[in-house]
Amino acid sequence: AGGDMVPSERTVTTGVGHGKKAARRIDAWLNGKPHEPAATHEPVTFDMLNPWYYSDAPKTMRPMLDAIRRQTNFDEVRGGLSETNALFEARRCLSCGNCFECDNCYGMCPDNAVIKLGPGKRFLFNYDYCKGCGICFAECPCGAIKMVAEDI
C-alpha cells in the first residue's frame, strides 16, 4: 500500500518526507480510496525569494571531538545540537514556495482581496476585488504567490 518509499538519499528531511508520503498512501488504501497526491508547485529559485524578511544569523557550529579522543573511544565525532539550537536552525528555513502565513499579502493588499482563512488554512484570493497590482507577489518572502495573466 505504501509502495517503495526508500530513496537513495539518507537524510532526516528525506526520511520524514517519504514517511509522510507512505502514511498518506497507506491511509488511502485502508480507507478504500485511490491515493491522490497533493498538488505540488514549481521549484522556487533564490531570485524568487525576498531574503529581507529573514534575519541574518550565523550557522550554529556543532561540537567536534578532537583527534586524540577519536582514537580512544567510539563517541560521535560530530556532536548534535541542543533542543534550543535545533529549533533556532529550523527557523532559518526559507520555506521556498510554501506559504507559512506571515500575513504580508494580507496586510499589504490595497484592495482587501486577500482573505485570511485562519491558522493553518492559509489565504484565499478574491479575484473580484483583485486589481492585479502585484504587491502581494512582491511582498511574499517565500515565493508562494504566482502572478498569472488573466484570460479576457
Protein backbone atom coordinates (compact mmCIF):
# COMPACT_ATOMS: atom_id res chain seq x y z
CA ALA A 1 0.00 0.00 0.00
CA GLY A 2 2.81 2.40 0.79
CA GLY A 3 5.00 1.49 -2.15
CA ASP A 4 8.75 1.74 -2.14
CA MET A 5 9.41 4.90 -0.17
CA VAL A 6 13.12 4.43 0.43
CA PRO A 7 15.19 6.65 -1.87
CA SER A 8 18.94 6.64 -2.13
CA GLU A 9 19.25 9.83 -0.06
CA ARG A 10 19.82 9.25 3.64
CA THR A 11 18.87 12.49 5.37
CA VAL A 12 16.35 13.06 8.14
CA THR A 13 14.41 15.51 5.98
CA THR A 14 14.10 12.98 3.16
CA GLY A 15 13.15 10.22 5.60
CA VAL A 16 10.40 12.30 7.21
CA GLY A 17 9.07 13.39 3.81
CA HIS A 18 8.96 9.86 2.45
CA GLY A 19 7.42 8.56 5.69
CA LYS A 20 4.66 11.13 5.28
CA LYS A 21 4.17 10.05 1.67
CA ALA A 22 3.93 6.39 2.71
CA ALA A 23 1.47 7.20 5.52
CA ARG A 24 -0.83 9.02 3.10
CA ARG A 25 -0.81 6.10 0.67
CA ILE A 26 -1.46 3.55 3.41
CA ASP A 27 -4.29 5.69 4.81
CA ALA A 28 -5.93 5.90 1.37
CA TRP A 29 -5.55 2.14 0.87
CA LEU A 30 -7.03 1.33 4.30
CA ASN A 31 -9.98 3.63 3.57
CA GLY A 32 -10.53 2.02 0.18
CA LYS A 33 -9.86 5.24 -1.70
CA PRO A 34 -7.41 5.87 -4.50
CA HIS A 35 -4.37 7.85 -3.44
CA GLU A 36 -4.38 11.34 -4.89
CA PRO A 37 -1.01 13.03 -4.45
CA ALA A 38 -1.05 16.58 -3.16
CA ALA A 39 -0.56 19.27 -5.77
CA THR A 40 3.00 20.48 -5.96
CA HIS A 41 4.31 23.85 -7.01
CA GLU A 42 7.15 24.51 -9.38
CA PRO A 43 10.58 24.87 -7.78
CA VAL A 44 11.36 28.30 -6.34
CA THR A 45 14.77 29.73 -7.08
CA PHE A 46 16.64 32.17 -4.86
CA ASP A 47 15.78 35.13 -7.10
CA MET A 48 12.08 34.46 -6.39
CA LEU A 49 12.62 34.87 -2.62
CA ASN A 50 12.67 38.08 -0.62
CA PRO A 51 15.51 37.49 1.83
CA TRP A 52 14.90 40.86 3.54
CA TYR A 53 12.21 39.11 5.58
CA TYR A 54 14.68 36.71 7.15
CA SER A 55 17.18 37.86 9.74
CA ASP A 56 20.85 37.18 9.14
CA ALA A 57 22.17 34.64 11.59
CA PRO A 58 25.36 32.65 11.61
CA LYS A 59 25.12 28.89 11.26
CA THR A 60 25.24 27.10 14.60
CA MET A 61 28.52 25.24 14.92
CA ARG A 62 28.25 21.68 16.17
CA PRO A 63 30.87 20.41 18.63
CA MET A 64 33.63 18.23 17.20
CA LEU A 65 35.76 15.66 19.04
CA ASP A 66 39.46 16.33 18.88
CA ALA A 67 41.75 13.84 17.14
CA ILE A 68 43.07 12.22 20.36
CA ARG A 69 39.59 11.43 21.70
CA ARG A 70 38.54 9.95 18.36
CA GLN A 71 41.31 7.36 18.69
CA THR A 72 40.37 6.28 22.22
CA ASN A 73 36.59 5.73 22.05
CA PHE A 74 33.58 5.27 19.79
CA ASP A 75 31.83 8.54 20.59
CA GLU A 76 30.29 10.54 17.77
CA VAL A 77 32.91 12.69 16.04
CA ARG A 78 30.47 15.49 15.30
CA GLY A 79 28.09 16.26 18.15
CA GLY A 80 24.44 17.07 17.79
CA LEU A 81 22.55 20.26 18.53
CA SER A 82 20.76 21.08 21.74
CA GLU A 83 16.98 21.45 21.50
CA THR A 84 17.31 25.24 21.58
CA ASN A 85 19.91 25.26 18.81
CA ALA A 86 17.91 22.80 16.69
CA LEU A 87 14.78 24.96 16.95
CA PHE A 88 16.83 28.04 16.03
CA GLU A 89 18.27 26.27 12.98
CA ALA A 90 14.79 25.13 11.90
CA ARG A 91 13.62 28.75 11.92
CA ARG A 92 16.36 29.57 9.39
CA CYS A 93 14.39 27.67 6.72
CA LEU A 94 13.36 29.94 3.84
CA SER A 95 10.18 27.89 3.21
CA CYS A 96 10.80 28.10 -0.55
CA GLY A 97 7.47 28.17 -2.34
CA ASN A 98 5.44 27.19 0.73
CA CYS A 99 3.23 29.75 2.46
CA PHE A 100 3.95 30.00 6.17
CA GLU A 101 1.24 32.58 6.88
CA CYS A 102 3.45 35.61 7.51
CA ASP A 103 0.43 37.82 6.67
CA ASN A 104 2.43 40.09 4.33
CA CYS A 105 -0.01 39.59 1.44
CA TYR A 106 -2.98 40.12 3.74
CA GLY A 107 -1.60 43.29 5.29
CA MET A 108 -0.25 44.86 2.10
CA CYS A 109 -3.20 44.29 -0.29
CA PRO A 110 -4.73 47.71 -1.08
CA ASP A 111 -7.92 46.12 -2.42
CA ASN A 112 -8.72 43.79 0.51
CA ALA A 113 -8.66 40.91 -1.96
CA VAL A 114 -6.77 38.58 0.39
CA ILE A 115 -8.98 36.65 2.82
CA LYS A 116 -7.37 35.10 5.87
CA LEU A 117 -8.84 31.62 6.46
CA GLY A 118 -7.38 31.02 9.93
CA PRO A 119 -4.36 29.31 11.44
CA GLY A 120 -3.05 26.53 9.21
CA LYS A 121 -5.56 27.26 6.44
CA ARG A 122 -3.58 29.98 4.65
CA PHE A 123 -5.36 32.53 2.44
CA LEU A 124 -7.95 32.84 -0.30
CA PHE A 125 -7.69 35.47 -3.02
CA ASN A 126 -10.94 37.13 -4.10
CA TYR A 127 -10.29 37.90 -7.76
CA ASP A 128 -13.44 40.05 -7.98
CA TYR A 129 -11.62 42.65 -5.83
CA CYS A 130 -8.05 42.00 -7.00
CA LYS A 131 -6.76 44.61 -9.45
CA GLY A 132 -3.58 42.69 -10.27
CA CYS A 133 -1.19 45.26 -8.77
CA GLY A 134 1.25 42.52 -7.69
CA ILE A 135 2.02 43.95 -4.25
CA CYS A 136 1.18 40.61 -2.62
CA PHE A 137 3.56 38.89 -5.05
CA ALA A 138 6.33 41.41 -4.36
CA GLU A 139 5.90 41.20 -0.58
CA CYS A 140 5.76 37.40 -0.30
CA PRO A 141 9.08 36.36 1.29
CA CYS A 142 9.00 32.72 0.16
CA GLY A 143 7.75 32.93 -3.43
CA ALA A 144 4.44 31.20 -2.65
CA ILE A 145 2.38 33.60 -4.78
CA LYS A 146 2.47 33.27 -8.54
CA MET A 147 1.20 36.00 -10.85
CA VAL A 148 -0.68 34.59 -13.85
CA ALA A 149 -2.03 36.69 -16.70
CA GLU A 150 -5.80 36.70 -16.81
CA ASP A 151 -7.57 35.41 -19.92
CA ILE A 152 -10.06 38.01 -21.08
